C-alpha atoms as a PDB file:
ATOM      1  CA  MET A   1      22.334  65.850  26.264  1.00  0.00           C
ATOM      2  CA  ASP A   2      21.510  65.400  29.958  1.00  0.00           C
ATOM      3  CA  PHE A   3      18.862  67.424  32.350  1.00  0.00           C
ATOM      4  CA  ASP A   4      19.764  67.102  36.192  1.00  0.00           C
ATOM      5  CA  PHE A   5      17.146  68.379  38.510  1.00  0.00           C
ATOM      6  CA  LYS A   6      18.215  72.221  38.633  1.00  0.00           C
ATOM      7  CA  THR A   7      17.681  72.417  34.923  1.00  0.00           C
ATOM      8  CA  LEU A   8      14.166  70.542  34.821  1.00  0.00           C
ATOM      9  CA  LEU A   9      13.104  72.943  38.064  1.00  0.00           C
ATOM     10  CA  VAL A  10      13.968  76.033  35.868  1.00  0.00           C
ATOM     11  CA  ILE A  11      12.328  74.797  32.917  1.00  0.00           C
ATOM     12  CA  LEU A  12       9.164  74.333  34.708  1.00  0.00           C
ATOM     13  CA  VAL A  13       9.323  77.314  36.785  1.00  0.00           C
ATOM     14  CA  VAL A  14       9.631  79.335  32.971  1.00  0.00           C
ATOM     15  CA  VAL A  15       6.576  77.372  31.999  1.00  0.00           C
ATOM     16  CA  LEU A  16       4.508  78.034  35.230  1.00  0.00           C
ATOM     17  CA  ILE A  17       5.535  81.919  34.659  1.00  0.00           C
ATOM     18  CA  ILE A  18       4.720  81.944  31.199  1.00  0.00           C
ATOM     19  CA  PHE A  19       1.428  80.116  30.991  1.00  0.00           C
ATOM     20  CA  GLY A  20       0.169  80.322  34.627  1.00  0.00           C
ATOM     21  CA  GLY A  21      -1.620  77.867  36.983  1.00  0.00           C
ATOM     22  CA  LYS A  22      -4.982  77.440  35.577  1.00  0.00           C
ATOM     23  CA  LYS A  23      -3.710  77.172  31.910  1.00  0.00           C
ATOM     24  CA  LEU A  24      -1.413  74.656  32.666  1.00  0.00           C
ATOM     25  CA  ARG A  25      -4.402  72.669  34.599  1.00  0.00           C
ATOM     26  CA  SER A  26      -6.406  72.865  31.589  1.00  0.00           C
ATOM     27  CA  ILE A  27      -3.474  71.881  29.346  1.00  0.00           C
ATOM     28  CA  GLY A  28      -2.721  68.844  31.414  1.00  0.00           C
ATOM     29  CA  ASP A  29      -6.428  67.803  31.517  1.00  0.00           C
ATOM     30  CA  ASP A  30      -6.749  68.179  27.931  1.00  0.00           C
ATOM     31  CA  LEU A  31      -3.826  65.902  27.197  1.00  0.00           C
ATOM     32  CA  GLY A  32      -4.893  63.245  29.832  1.00  0.00           C
ATOM     33  CA  HIS A  33      -7.997  63.089  28.203  1.00  0.00           C
ATOM     34  CA  ALA A  34      -6.100  62.908  24.831  1.00  0.00           C
ATOM     35  CA  VAL A  35      -4.153  60.061  26.030  1.00  0.00           C
ATOM     36  CA  LYS A  36      -6.866  58.106  27.439  1.00  0.00           C
ATOM     37  CA  GLY A  37      -9.149  58.521  23.918  1.00  0.00           C
ATOM     38  CA  PHE A  38      -6.000  57.160  22.154  1.00  0.00           C
ATOM     39  CA  LYS A  39      -5.466  54.100  24.466  1.00  0.00           C
ATOM     40  CA  LYS A  40      -9.439  53.511  24.249  1.00  0.00           C
ATOM     41  CA  ALA A  41      -9.500  53.770  20.194  1.00  0.00           C
ATOM     42  CA  MET A  42      -6.146  51.617  20.160  1.00  0.00           C
ATOM     43  CA  ASN A  43      -8.194  48.582  22.234  1.00  0.00           C
ATOM     44  CA  GLU A  44     -11.268  49.182  20.311  1.00  0.00           C
ATOM     45  CA  GLY A  45      -9.125  48.428  16.783  1.00  0.00           C
ATOM     46  CA  ASP A  46      -7.376  45.412  18.670  1.00  0.00           C
ATOM     47  CA  HIS A  47     -10.873  43.944  19.390  1.00  0.00           C
ATOM     48  CA  GLU A  48     -12.335  44.764  15.756  1.00  0.00           C
ATOM     49  CA  GLU A  49      -9.144  42.913  14.566  1.00  0.00           C
ATOM     50  CA  THR A  50      -9.283  39.554  16.584  1.00  0.00           C
ATOM     51  CA  SER A  51     -13.080  39.367  16.080  1.00  0.00           C
ATOM     52  CA  ALA A  52     -12.895  39.958  12.581  1.00  0.00           C
ATOM     53  CA  SER A  53      -9.670  37.325  12.194  1.00  0.00           C
ATOM     54  CA  THR A  54     -12.182  34.657  13.936  1.00  0.00           C
ATOM     55  CA  ARG A  55     -15.014  34.936  11.403  1.00  0.00           C
ATOM     56  CA  GLN A  56     -14.848  32.873   8.306  1.00  0.00           C
ATOM     57  CA  ILE A  57     -15.945  33.836   5.165  1.00  0.00           C
ATOM     58  CA  ARG A  58     -18.140  30.847   3.150  1.00  0.00           C
ATOM     59  CA  SER A  59     -18.705  30.602  -0.216  1.00  0.00           C
ATOM     60  CA  GLU A  60     -22.393  30.385  -1.391  1.00  0.00           C
ATOM     61  CA  GLY A  61     -22.120  29.613  -5.092  1.00  0.00           C
ATOM     62  CA  ALA A  62     -19.792  30.214  -8.076  1.00  0.00           C
ATOM     63  CA  ASP A  63     -17.589  32.713  -9.077  1.00  0.00           C
ATOM     64  CA  ALA A  64     -18.907  34.975 -11.716  1.00  0.00           C
ATOM     65  CA  GLU A  65     -17.742  34.551 -15.137  1.00  0.00           C
ATOM     66  CA  PHE A  66     -16.946  37.665 -17.226  1.00  0.00           C
ATOM     67  CA  PRO A  67     -16.632  37.400 -21.117  1.00  0.00           C
ATOM     68  CA  GLU A  68     -12.992  38.217 -22.664  1.00  0.00           C
ATOM     69  CA  LYS A  69     -12.595  41.619 -23.478  1.00  0.00           C
ATOM     70  CA  VAL A  70     -12.895  42.406 -27.373  1.00  0.00           C
ATOM     71  CA  LYS A  71      -9.765  44.384 -28.561  1.00  0.00           C
ATOM     72  CA  THR A  72     -11.125  47.126 -30.675  1.00  0.00           C
ATOM     73  CA  GLY A  73      -7.809  49.423 -31.313  1.00  0.00           C
ATOM     74  CA  THR A  74      -6.866  52.867 -31.314  1.00  0.00           C
ATOM     75  CA  PRO A  75      -8.974  55.716 -33.412  1.00  0.00           C
ATOM     76  CA  ALA A  76      -6.179  55.644 -35.522  1.00  0.00           C
ATOM     77  CA  GLU A  77      -6.383  51.947 -36.194  1.00  0.00           C
ATOM     78  CA  LYS A  78     -10.524  52.326 -36.760  1.00  0.00           C
ATOM     79  CA  SER A  79     -10.202  55.218 -39.706  1.00  0.00           C
ATOM     80  CA  ASN A  80      -7.567  52.962 -41.516  1.00  0.00           C
ATOM     81  CA  ARG A  81     -10.472  49.900 -41.165  1.00  0.00           C
ATOM     82  CA  ASN A  82     -13.114  52.036 -42.499  1.00  0.00           C
ATOM     83  CA  ALA A  83     -11.260  53.475 -45.158  1.00  0.00           C
END
């Protein structure tokens, strides 16, 4: 779908008539602030990601050991054992 200059101009005039000049300016400002905030958040995320990858985790001691889980069976098996 190709938009030539006339089509684009008609769309812009219709949008201007519907929303008005002040509302369009407000929408443009809000959209600009949103894009700026999004770019800032993306840059901060990249910065945190690179700083996190340069840190190294060191081991301070041995890993904890946990006992094997004892198999207790289902409640029906328990009642059969007790009977």
